[in-house]
Amino acid sequence: IIAAYDEAGVPNAMNAAWGGMFTDEHIGICISQGHKTTKNILATGAFTVSMATAEQVVACDYVGIVSGNRERDKVAKAGFTTERSEVVNAPIIKELPMTLECEMVSYDEENCHLVGRIVNVSADESILTDGKIDYAKLRPITYDPVNHHYVELGAKAGNAFSDGKKLK
């Protein structure tokens, strides 16, 4: 869920399915110019990306199907409350317990590609185990574009940088 303030300080948020991290510090998202959130990011140079969760699936879907260009208070209507990030000029959605706080690096109008530099990751204590984010507690969801479902993530499938060593 991408969130940004407009020039008057009103938060807006949207559900975006096409994006990901491509370095430890950078995130890329495909987001068209017509979105209110895009306009806000271009005006303020900052945004947050919060992980959508199974617990908040209805609100997360709502901010994806309702345009901020037509509904000024859609964040509040979704039941979300926000607080200002301490490190970027963007809102943190309190009901979503993990947030990437980002500065805009670039926006390519031709292919609608937004690049942000992650300057902070905030996580609510409720999703931590031994000081690390626990995805079983976070219960993140992803979009299945084939079936138009949200799918809860969480089952461990293997060990990164380790399991492949069996083939060496």
Foldseek 3Di string as FASTA:
>chain_A
DKWAAAPVRQIADAAFAAWADDDPWKIKGQDAPVAPSNNRCVVFQWMKDFFAAPVLVQLRVQSHPDGCVVVVNSCVVSVWDWDADPPGRTTDTPVGFKMFIWGWPDADNVRRMTMTTGPDIGGDPQQDDPRDGQLVRNQGWHADVVVRDIHTDHDDDDDPPPPVVVVD
